[in-house]
Every structure is written in structure tokens, then in C-alpha cells.
Amino acid sequence: MLLALAAACAAVDANAGVVIGGTRVVFPGASRDIAVRVENKGEEPALIQAWIDDGDARSTPETAHAPFAITPPVFRIDPGRGHALRIVHVGGHPPSDREALYWLNVLEIPPSPEGGKAVNTLQFAFRHRLKLLHRPSGLAVEPAGAPGLLTWSIEREGGLSRLRVRNPSPYVVSFNEVAIVANGAPGQTMPLGGGMVVATGQTTWPLPKGKVAPVGAVVKFASINDYGATVPGTANVAAATVADD
């Protein structure tokens, strides 16, 4: 079947040309609307469809739920040109004491190939999905201070271990990478990947099967700030406990 598909496709178009300003969108709680810049760095025009959801990665413009509207929801963007998406807070009451997490979806639909139906072509539509953080004003700490407030612990249950992080801060903290380093020695590192922890929430990373965190281990992580830069951090790990889910 794969050979048949390859033979049927005389051309494959898999180049995403649309870029979005920033790696996340921060919506100040005191604002009614904000603008997000979208640019077409490719060589072909593209049709853009945009929507916001509250966490469902399978959402569509028809099924998504969020207290925001986007104008225009559908538009064409020519190569080398830019366009501003206007995001408007239209209802709902996000928390006033912490950030609320939503997701901005930008779907890039490429143009039909020259020759129309006479050419066999496999095309791809690219969906960009960025965090949209509704950030109330007057929060007790600054965003840059949130990673330093995290607490880390090892839990064991049923012969398996996992690393848990608890976030008492009012900000969502995203990680480019998280790793356990045995006794602080760089040569004894257990990488666990990236992820995030929501404001006043917690999340876990399972340790590889058969692995345990040695006494004196520390966590090394790289958090991502509002500007998309990674900020390294190190924290002690609490002693292993029985999981309390």
C-alpha cells in the first residue's frame, strides 16, 4: 500500500511557511484584546484558519471552547507579507488569582498545485499550537520567580518510581527539559523529557523501568520564559515516599 501511495504521488508539498511571533501568547487580564503577528516566510500564498481551545488538542473551530474570539478567523496571507490576528476576550471569568491556560491554533492550508486535478500531489496542512496564558494583574510574584518556587519529590508505588513537581505559584511553568542527576554528577544523568506544570498544580514524570533516584540526587531543568528563552535551574529532591494519588 505504501508503494502504491508513493507511485500515485508525483509531488509532495510539506513545507510550512507561516511563522508566529513568539512561542506563547500572554493575554493581560486588564486588556480587552491583543494582537498576534503572523507572517508568511514561504514562497506560496497560504490560507489561514485560527481558533482557541481550552485544552482539547483534537478541537476544531466548531467544537472549541474558550472565552476568546479571533478576527479574522479565516484569511489569506501572501508570501513575504504579515497579518495581525486580533484576540478578543468575549466572556467567561478566568481565575483572578492565577494564570489560566488556553491554546491558540493556527492552521496553514497550502494552495492547490498548478495543473489542478491533472497532477497527483500529496499536500499537508500544518497546525501551529501555542499556549495562550490569561494572566491577571497584581499577582503576588513575578513570572521569573515561579521556577524557584517549585518543589520536587520522588514517589514509589508498585515497584515503579516517578518524579513529581508541585507548583505553588500563580504561573504556568513550561520545561524544555527535566533530568535527575545522581549526587550532582553530570556523568550520571537520567533525562526525563520536557513538559509543563499549571499554576497551583502538579505533574509527574515516570522514571525508566527499574531505575530509582539515588540518595542526594538533584533535579536539573530548563524552564521557558515569556520570550522563548530557556532558563536553567537546579533543585533538591525530597526523599522517596509512597504515592498519594
C-alpha atoms as a PDB file:
ATOM      1  CA  MET A   1       0.000   0.000   0.000  1.00  0.00           C
ATOM      2  CA  LEU A   2       2.866   2.368   0.812  1.00  0.00           C
ATOM      3  CA  LEU A   3       4.464   1.647  -2.574  1.00  0.00           C
ATOM      4  CA  ALA A   4       1.172   2.340  -4.308  1.00  0.00           C
ATOM      5  CA  LEU A   5       0.839   5.635  -2.417  1.00  0.00           C
ATOM      6  CA  ALA A   6       4.363   6.635  -3.368  1.00  0.00           C
ATOM      7  CA  ALA A   7       3.714   5.841  -7.008  1.00  0.00           C
ATOM      8  CA  ALA A   8       0.471   7.818  -7.025  1.00  0.00           C
ATOM      9  CA  CYS A   9       2.102  10.976  -5.656  1.00  0.00           C
ATOM     10  CA  ALA A  10       4.048  12.746  -8.346  1.00  0.00           C
ATOM     11  CA  ALA A  11       4.910  15.558  -5.903  1.00  0.00           C
ATOM     12  CA  VAL A  12       4.906  16.080  -2.150  1.00  0.00           C
ATOM     13  CA  ASP A  13       4.384  19.543  -0.673  1.00  0.00           C
ATOM     14  CA  ALA A  14       5.400  19.540   3.013  1.00  0.00           C
ATOM     15  CA  ASN A  15       6.849  22.997   3.577  1.00  0.00           C
ATOM     16  CA  ALA A  16       5.379  25.172   6.316  1.00  0.00           C
ATOM     17  CA  GLY A  17       5.994  28.826   5.536  1.00  0.00           C
ATOM     18  CA  VAL A  18       3.885  30.566   8.180  1.00  0.00           C
ATOM     19  CA  VAL A  19       5.546  31.688  11.419  1.00  0.00           C
ATOM     20  CA  ILE A  20       4.026  33.236  14.528  1.00  0.00           C
ATOM     21  CA  GLY A  21       5.671  35.887  16.651  1.00  0.00           C
ATOM     22  CA  GLY A  22       6.786  34.249  19.923  1.00  0.00           C
ATOM     23  CA  THR A  23       6.485  30.790  21.426  1.00  0.00           C
ATOM     24  CA  ARG A  24       3.470  31.677  23.574  1.00  0.00           C
ATOM     25  CA  VAL A  25       0.834  34.373  23.880  1.00  0.00           C
ATOM     26  CA  VAL A  26       0.295  36.258  27.152  1.00  0.00           C
ATOM     27  CA  PHE A  27      -3.102  37.927  27.467  1.00  0.00           C
ATOM     28  CA  PRO A  28      -3.007  40.548  30.268  1.00  0.00           C
ATOM     29  CA  GLY A  29      -6.059  40.301  32.485  1.00  0.00           C
ATOM     30  CA  ALA A  30      -6.682  44.036  32.268  1.00  0.00           C
ATOM     31  CA  SER A  31      -6.799  44.011  28.456  1.00  0.00           C
ATOM     32  CA  ARG A  32      -9.867  43.562  26.282  1.00  0.00           C
ATOM     33  CA  ASP A  33      -7.918  42.462  23.204  1.00  0.00           C
ATOM     34  CA  ILE A  34      -4.395  41.838  21.944  1.00  0.00           C
ATOM     35  CA  ALA A  35      -2.761  41.305  18.542  1.00  0.00           C
ATOM     36  CA  VAL A  36      -0.578  38.393  17.440  1.00  0.00           C
ATOM     37  CA  ARG A  37       1.632  38.786  14.376  1.00  0.00           C
ATOM     38  CA  VAL A  38       1.587  36.053  11.706  1.00  0.00           C
ATOM     39  CA  GLU A  39       3.999  36.114   8.776  1.00  0.00           C
ATOM     40  CA  ASN A  40       4.351  34.052   5.627  1.00  0.00           C
ATOM     41  CA  LYS A  41       8.043  33.277   5.119  1.00  0.00           C
ATOM     42  CA  GLY A  42       7.324  30.804   2.329  1.00  0.00           C
ATOM     43  CA  GLU A  43       7.166  31.229  -1.410  1.00  0.00           C
ATOM     44  CA  GLU A  44       3.468  30.453  -1.858  1.00  0.00           C
ATOM     45  CA  PRO A  45       0.278  32.092  -0.542  1.00  0.00           C
ATOM     46  CA  ALA A  46      -1.486  30.266   2.267  1.00  0.00           C
ATOM     47  CA  LEU A  47      -4.986  30.152   3.686  1.00  0.00           C
ATOM     48  CA  ILE A  48      -5.025  30.568   7.471  1.00  0.00           C
ATOM     49  CA  GLN A  49      -7.717  29.418   9.896  1.00  0.00           C
ATOM     50  CA  ALA A  50      -7.327  30.285  13.585  1.00  0.00           C
ATOM     51  CA  TRP A  51      -9.182  29.350  16.789  1.00  0.00           C
ATOM     52  CA  ILE A  52      -8.639  28.984  20.539  1.00  0.00           C
ATOM     53  CA  ASP A  53      -9.474  25.993  22.736  1.00  0.00           C
ATOM     54  CA  ASP A  54      -9.269  25.194  26.443  1.00  0.00           C
ATOM     55  CA  GLY A  55      -7.057  22.125  26.183  1.00  0.00           C
ATOM     56  CA  ASP A  56      -8.586  19.708  23.677  1.00  0.00           C
ATOM     57  CA  ALA A  57      -5.833  19.005  21.130  1.00  0.00           C
ATOM     58  CA  ARG A  58      -8.449  17.485  18.786  1.00  0.00           C
ATOM     59  CA  SER A  59     -10.557  20.629  18.782  1.00  0.00           C
ATOM     60  CA  THR A  60     -11.847  22.294  15.632  1.00  0.00           C
ATOM     61  CA  PRO A  61     -13.237  25.810  15.172  1.00  0.00           C
ATOM     62  CA  GLU A  62     -16.721  24.301  15.544  1.00  0.00           C
ATOM     63  CA  THR A  63     -16.037  22.314  18.745  1.00  0.00           C
ATOM     64  CA  ALA A  64     -13.536  24.509  20.606  1.00  0.00           C
ATOM     65  CA  HIS A  65     -14.468  26.175  23.908  1.00  0.00           C
ATOM     66  CA  ALA A  66     -12.713  29.292  25.208  1.00  0.00           C
ATOM     67  CA  PRO A  67     -13.725  32.797  26.330  1.00  0.00           C
ATOM     68  CA  PHE A  68     -11.963  34.357  23.340  1.00  0.00           C
ATOM     69  CA  ALA A  69     -12.756  35.208  19.742  1.00  0.00           C
ATOM     70  CA  ILE A  70     -10.327  35.740  16.851  1.00  0.00           C
ATOM     71  CA  THR A  71     -10.750  38.192  13.991  1.00  0.00           C
ATOM     72  CA  PRO A  72     -10.416  37.384  11.226  1.00  0.00           C
ATOM     73  CA  PRO A  73     -10.901  33.633  11.792  1.00  0.00           C
ATOM     74  CA  VAL A  74     -10.013  32.828   8.167  1.00  0.00           C
ATOM     75  CA  PHE A  75      -7.772  34.829   5.827  1.00  0.00           C
ATOM     76  CA  ARG A  76      -5.241  34.563   3.004  1.00  0.00           C
ATOM     77  CA  ILE A  77      -1.661  35.615   3.514  1.00  0.00           C
ATOM     78  CA  ASP A  78       0.664  36.173   0.564  1.00  0.00           C
ATOM     79  CA  PRO A  79       4.375  35.265   0.592  1.00  0.00           C
ATOM     80  CA  GLY A  80       6.548  37.851   2.273  1.00  0.00           C
ATOM     81  CA  ARG A  81       3.549  39.507   3.936  1.00  0.00           C
ATOM     82  CA  GLY A  82       2.324  39.666   7.506  1.00  0.00           C
ATOM     83  CA  HIS A  83      -1.045  39.826   9.189  1.00  0.00           C
ATOM     84  CA  ALA A  84      -2.253  40.616  12.704  1.00  0.00           C
ATOM     85  CA  LEU A  85      -4.627  38.251  14.494  1.00  0.00           C
ATOM     86  CA  ARG A  86      -6.841  40.135  16.920  1.00  0.00           C
ATOM     87  CA  ILE A  87      -7.762  38.093  20.010  1.00  0.00           C
ATOM     88  CA  VAL A  88     -10.708  39.444  21.987  1.00  0.00           C
ATOM     89  CA  HIS A  89     -11.880  38.401  25.451  1.00  0.00           C
ATOM     90  CA  VAL A  90     -15.592  37.889  24.862  1.00  0.00           C
ATOM     91  CA  GLY A  91     -16.907  36.285  28.025  1.00  0.00           C
ATOM     92  CA  GLY A  92     -16.301  33.905  30.858  1.00  0.00           C
ATOM     93  CA  HIS A  93     -14.434  34.573  34.050  1.00  0.00           C
ATOM     94  CA  PRO A  94     -10.898  33.146  34.142  1.00  0.00           C
ATOM     95  CA  PRO A  95      -9.366  32.912  37.643  1.00  0.00           C
ATOM     96  CA  SER A  96      -8.244  36.221  39.089  1.00  0.00           C
ATOM     97  CA  ASP A  97      -5.531  34.731  41.333  1.00  0.00           C
ATOM     98  CA  ARG A  98      -3.550  32.665  38.784  1.00  0.00           C
ATOM     99  CA  GLU A  99      -2.895  32.151  35.108  1.00  0.00           C
ATOM    100  CA  ALA A 100      -5.418  30.202  33.049  1.00  0.00           C
ATOM    101  CA  LEU A 101      -4.117  28.070  30.182  1.00  0.00           C
ATOM    102  CA  TYR A 102      -5.694  28.061  26.714  1.00  0.00           C
ATOM    103  CA  TRP A 103      -4.313  27.138  23.291  1.00  0.00           C
ATOM    104  CA  LEU A 104      -4.056  29.188  20.095  1.00  0.00           C
ATOM    105  CA  ASN A 105      -4.395  27.085  16.939  1.00  0.00           C
ATOM    106  CA  VAL A 106      -3.208  28.430  13.575  1.00  0.00           C
ATOM    107  CA  LEU A 107      -3.913  26.087  10.664  1.00  0.00           C
ATOM    108  CA  GLU A 108      -1.916  26.710   7.486  1.00  0.00           C
ATOM    109  CA  ILE A 109      -3.560  25.349   4.336  1.00  0.00           C
ATOM    110  CA  PRO A 110      -1.332  25.380   1.223  1.00  0.00           C
ATOM    111  CA  PRO A 111      -2.670  26.421  -2.201  1.00  0.00           C
ATOM    112  CA  SER A 112      -3.748  23.865  -4.773  1.00  0.00           C
ATOM    113  CA  PRO A 113      -0.893  22.816  -7.079  1.00  0.00           C
ATOM    114  CA  GLU A 114      -0.631  24.174 -10.588  1.00  0.00           C
ATOM    115  CA  GLY A 115      -2.416  21.910 -13.022  1.00  0.00           C
ATOM    116  CA  GLY A 116      -5.260  21.193 -10.609  1.00  0.00           C
ATOM    117  CA  LYS A 117      -6.615  17.646 -10.723  1.00  0.00           C
ATOM    118  CA  ALA A 118      -4.307  16.714 -13.584  1.00  0.00           C
ATOM    119  CA  VAL A 119      -1.384  16.429 -11.137  1.00  0.00           C
ATOM    120  CA  ASN A 120      -1.156  13.783  -8.430  1.00  0.00           C
ATOM    121  CA  THR A 121       0.010  15.596  -5.308  1.00  0.00           C
ATOM    122  CA  LEU A 122       0.238  14.841  -1.605  1.00  0.00           C
ATOM    123  CA  GLN A 123      -0.219  18.034   0.418  1.00  0.00           C
ATOM    124  CA  PHE A 124      -0.059  18.713   4.140  1.00  0.00           C
ATOM    125  CA  ALA A 125      -1.872  21.293   6.251  1.00  0.00           C
ATOM    126  CA  PHE A 126       0.230  22.430   9.201  1.00  0.00           C
ATOM    127  CA  ARG A 127      -1.305  23.334  12.545  1.00  0.00           C
ATOM    128  CA  HIS A 128       0.672  25.554  14.897  1.00  0.00           C
ATOM    129  CA  ARG A 129      -0.479  25.188  18.521  1.00  0.00           C
ATOM    130  CA  LEU A 130       0.744  27.723  21.078  1.00  0.00           C
ATOM    131  CA  LYS A 131      -0.034  28.293  24.737  1.00  0.00           C
ATOM    132  CA  LEU A 132      -2.277  31.282  25.403  1.00  0.00           C
ATOM    133  CA  LEU A 133      -1.944  32.399  29.034  1.00  0.00           C
ATOM    134  CA  HIS A 134      -4.581  34.653  30.554  1.00  0.00           C
ATOM    135  CA  ARG A 135      -2.526  36.484  33.181  1.00  0.00           C
ATOM    136  CA  PRO A 136      -4.371  38.545  35.826  1.00  0.00           C
ATOM    137  CA  SER A 137      -2.737  41.734  37.001  1.00  0.00           C
ATOM    138  CA  GLY A 138      -1.406  42.188  40.523  1.00  0.00           C
ATOM    139  CA  LEU A 139      -0.168  38.639  41.129  1.00  0.00           C
ATOM    140  CA  ALA A 140       1.995  38.245  44.229  1.00  0.00           C
ATOM    141  CA  VAL A 141       5.212  37.183  42.471  1.00  0.00           C
ATOM    142  CA  GLU A 142       6.863  37.941  39.152  1.00  0.00           C
ATOM    143  CA  PRO A 143       6.830  35.296  36.377  1.00  0.00           C
ATOM    144  CA  ALA A 144      10.609  34.903  36.522  1.00  0.00           C
ATOM    145  CA  GLY A 145      10.363  33.821  40.160  1.00  0.00           C
ATOM    146  CA  ALA A 146       7.963  30.930  39.560  1.00  0.00           C
ATOM    147  CA  PRO A 147      10.550  28.182  38.750  1.00  0.00           C
ATOM    148  CA  GLY A 148      12.327  28.848  42.052  1.00  0.00           C
ATOM    149  CA  LEU A 149       9.132  28.103  43.997  1.00  0.00           C
ATOM    150  CA  LEU A 150       8.713  24.589  42.596  1.00  0.00           C
ATOM    151  CA  THR A 151       9.129  21.622  44.934  1.00  0.00           C
ATOM    152  CA  TRP A 152      10.320  18.223  43.680  1.00  0.00           C
ATOM    153  CA  SER A 153       9.959  14.741  45.146  1.00  0.00           C
ATOM    154  CA  ILE A 154      10.364  11.080  44.241  1.00  0.00           C
ATOM    155  CA  GLU A 155       7.427   8.706  44.735  1.00  0.00           C
ATOM    156  CA  ARG A 156       7.429   4.921  44.618  1.00  0.00           C
ATOM    157  CA  GLU A 157       4.431   2.733  44.005  1.00  0.00           C
ATOM    158  CA  GLY A 158       4.169  -0.871  42.862  1.00  0.00           C
ATOM    159  CA  GLY A 159       7.876  -1.127  42.162  1.00  0.00           C
ATOM    160  CA  LEU A 160       7.863   1.958  39.927  1.00  0.00           C
ATOM    161  CA  SER A 161       9.223   5.418  40.658  1.00  0.00           C
ATOM    162  CA  ARG A 162       8.276   8.822  39.382  1.00  0.00           C
ATOM    163  CA  LEU A 163       9.368  12.402  39.804  1.00  0.00           C
ATOM    164  CA  ARG A 164       6.658  14.806  40.942  1.00  0.00           C
ATOM    165  CA  VAL A 165       6.773  18.597  40.810  1.00  0.00           C
ATOM    166  CA  ARG A 166       4.354  20.818  42.716  1.00  0.00           C
ATOM    167  CA  ASN A 167       3.822  24.404  41.638  1.00  0.00           C
ATOM    168  CA  PRO A 168       2.540  26.754  44.360  1.00  0.00           C
ATOM    169  CA  SER A 169       2.972  29.797  42.112  1.00  0.00           C
ATOM    170  CA  PRO A 170       0.218  31.545  40.116  1.00  0.00           C
ATOM    171  CA  TYR A 171       2.042  30.929  36.808  1.00  0.00           C
ATOM    172  CA  VAL A 172       2.182  28.084  34.316  1.00  0.00           C
ATOM    173  CA  VAL A 173       5.770  26.798  34.158  1.00  0.00           C
ATOM    174  CA  SER A 174       6.942  25.079  30.955  1.00  0.00           C
ATOM    175  CA  PHE A 175      10.067  22.926  30.701  1.00  0.00           C
ATOM    176  CA  ASN A 176      12.355  22.349  27.765  1.00  0.00           C
ATOM    177  CA  GLU A 177      13.997  19.503  29.683  1.00  0.00           C
ATOM    178  CA  VAL A 178      13.978  17.833  33.075  1.00  0.00           C
ATOM    179  CA  ALA A 179      16.620  15.400  34.362  1.00  0.00           C
ATOM    180  CA  ILE A 180      17.689  13.712  37.585  1.00  0.00           C
ATOM    181  CA  VAL A 181      21.407  13.978  38.270  1.00  0.00           C
ATOM    182  CA  ALA A 182      22.863  11.483  40.744  1.00  0.00           C
ATOM    183  CA  ASN A 183      24.698  13.270  43.546  1.00  0.00           C
ATOM    184  CA  GLY A 184      25.040  16.275  41.280  1.00  0.00           C
ATOM    185  CA  ALA A 185      27.444  14.413  38.981  1.00  0.00           C
ATOM    186  CA  PRO A 186      26.878  15.396  35.313  1.00  0.00           C
ATOM    187  CA  GLY A 187      28.014  11.954  34.140  1.00  0.00           C
ATOM    188  CA  GLN A 188      25.133  10.237  35.949  1.00  0.00           C
ATOM    189  CA  THR A 189      22.131  11.897  34.368  1.00  0.00           C
ATOM    190  CA  MET A 190      18.633  10.438  33.929  1.00  0.00           C
ATOM    191  CA  PRO A 191      16.822  12.569  31.279  1.00  0.00           C
ATOM    192  CA  LEU A 192      13.019  12.633  31.591  1.00  0.00           C
ATOM    193  CA  GLY A 193      11.981  14.973  28.759  1.00  0.00           C
ATOM    194  CA  GLY A 194      10.072  18.240  28.869  1.00  0.00           C
ATOM    195  CA  GLY A 195       6.519  19.214  29.825  1.00  0.00           C
ATOM    196  CA  MET A 196       4.773  21.763  31.994  1.00  0.00           C
ATOM    197  CA  VAL A 197       3.004  22.257  35.302  1.00  0.00           C
ATOM    198  CA  VAL A 198      -0.039  24.509  35.554  1.00  0.00           C
ATOM    199  CA  ALA A 199      -0.451  27.244  38.143  1.00  0.00           C
ATOM    200  CA  THR A 200      -1.077  25.831  41.657  1.00  0.00           C
ATOM    201  CA  GLY A 201      -0.954  22.344  40.113  1.00  0.00           C
ATOM    202  CA  GLN A 202       1.390  19.382  39.856  1.00  0.00           C
ATOM    203  CA  THR A 203       2.671  16.896  37.291  1.00  0.00           C
ATOM    204  CA  THR A 204       4.830  13.781  37.182  1.00  0.00           C
ATOM    205  CA  TRP A 205       7.462  12.062  35.035  1.00  0.00           C
ATOM    206  CA  PRO A 206       7.818   8.272  35.262  1.00  0.00           C
ATOM    207  CA  LEU A 207      11.365   7.059  35.795  1.00  0.00           C
ATOM    208  CA  PRO A 208      12.629   4.367  33.403  1.00  0.00           C
ATOM    209  CA  LYS A 209      11.606   0.893  34.500  1.00  0.00           C
ATOM    210  CA  GLY A 210      13.986  -0.496  37.115  1.00  0.00           C
ATOM    211  CA  LYS A 211      15.529   2.920  37.785  1.00  0.00           C
ATOM    212  CA  VAL A 212      15.489   4.704  41.131  1.00  0.00           C
ATOM    213  CA  ALA A 213      16.782   8.108  42.130  1.00  0.00           C
ATOM    214  CA  PRO A 214      19.833   7.708  44.377  1.00  0.00           C
ATOM    215  CA  VAL A 215      20.166   9.483  47.701  1.00  0.00           C
ATOM    216  CA  GLY A 216      21.440  13.010  47.204  1.00  0.00           C
ATOM    217  CA  ALA A 217      20.155  13.309  43.643  1.00  0.00           C
ATOM    218  CA  VAL A 218      19.140  16.717  42.326  1.00  0.00           C
ATOM    219  CA  VAL A 219      16.824  17.845  39.544  1.00  0.00           C
ATOM    220  CA  LYS A 220      18.217  19.911  36.707  1.00  0.00           C
ATOM    221  CA  PHE A 221      15.703  21.600  34.451  1.00  0.00           C
ATOM    222  CA  ALA A 222      15.379  24.289  31.816  1.00  0.00           C
ATOM    223  CA  SER A 223      12.237  26.395  32.069  1.00  0.00           C
ATOM    224  CA  ILE A 224      10.957  28.553  29.215  1.00  0.00           C
ATOM    225  CA  ASN A 225      10.300  32.231  29.878  1.00  0.00           C
ATOM    226  CA  ASP A 226       7.878  34.652  28.217  1.00  0.00           C
ATOM    227  CA  TYR A 227      10.400  35.405  25.474  1.00  0.00           C
ATOM    228  CA  GLY A 228      11.001  31.770  24.498  1.00  0.00           C
ATOM    229  CA  ALA A 229      14.441  31.613  26.135  1.00  0.00           C
ATOM    230  CA  THR A 230      15.430  28.630  28.275  1.00  0.00           C
ATOM    231  CA  VAL A 231      16.478  29.357  31.861  1.00  0.00           C
ATOM    232  CA  PRO A 232      18.495  26.649  33.655  1.00  0.00           C
ATOM    233  CA  GLY A 233      17.597  25.649  37.187  1.00  0.00           C
ATOM    234  CA  THR A 234      18.615  23.147  39.856  1.00  0.00           C
ATOM    235  CA  ALA A 235      16.630  21.893  42.855  1.00  0.00           C
ATOM    236  CA  ASN A 236      16.964  19.310  45.589  1.00  0.00           C
ATOM    237  CA  VAL A 237      14.726  16.250  45.529  1.00  0.00           C
ATOM    238  CA  ALA A 238      12.758  15.183  48.585  1.00  0.00           C
ATOM    239  CA  ALA A 239      13.193  11.600  49.815  1.00  0.00           C
ATOM    240  CA  ALA A 240      11.089   8.883  48.212  1.00  0.00           C
ATOM    241  CA  THR A 241       7.561   8.485  49.552  1.00  0.00           C
ATOM    242  CA  VAL A 242       4.576   6.273  48.819  1.00  0.00           C
ATOM    243  CA  ALA A 243       2.377   7.811  46.119  1.00  0.00           C
ATOM    244  CA  ASP A 244      -0.727   9.562  47.427  1.00  0.00           C
ATOM    245  CA  ASP A 245      -2.850   9.861  44.247  1.00  0.00           C
END
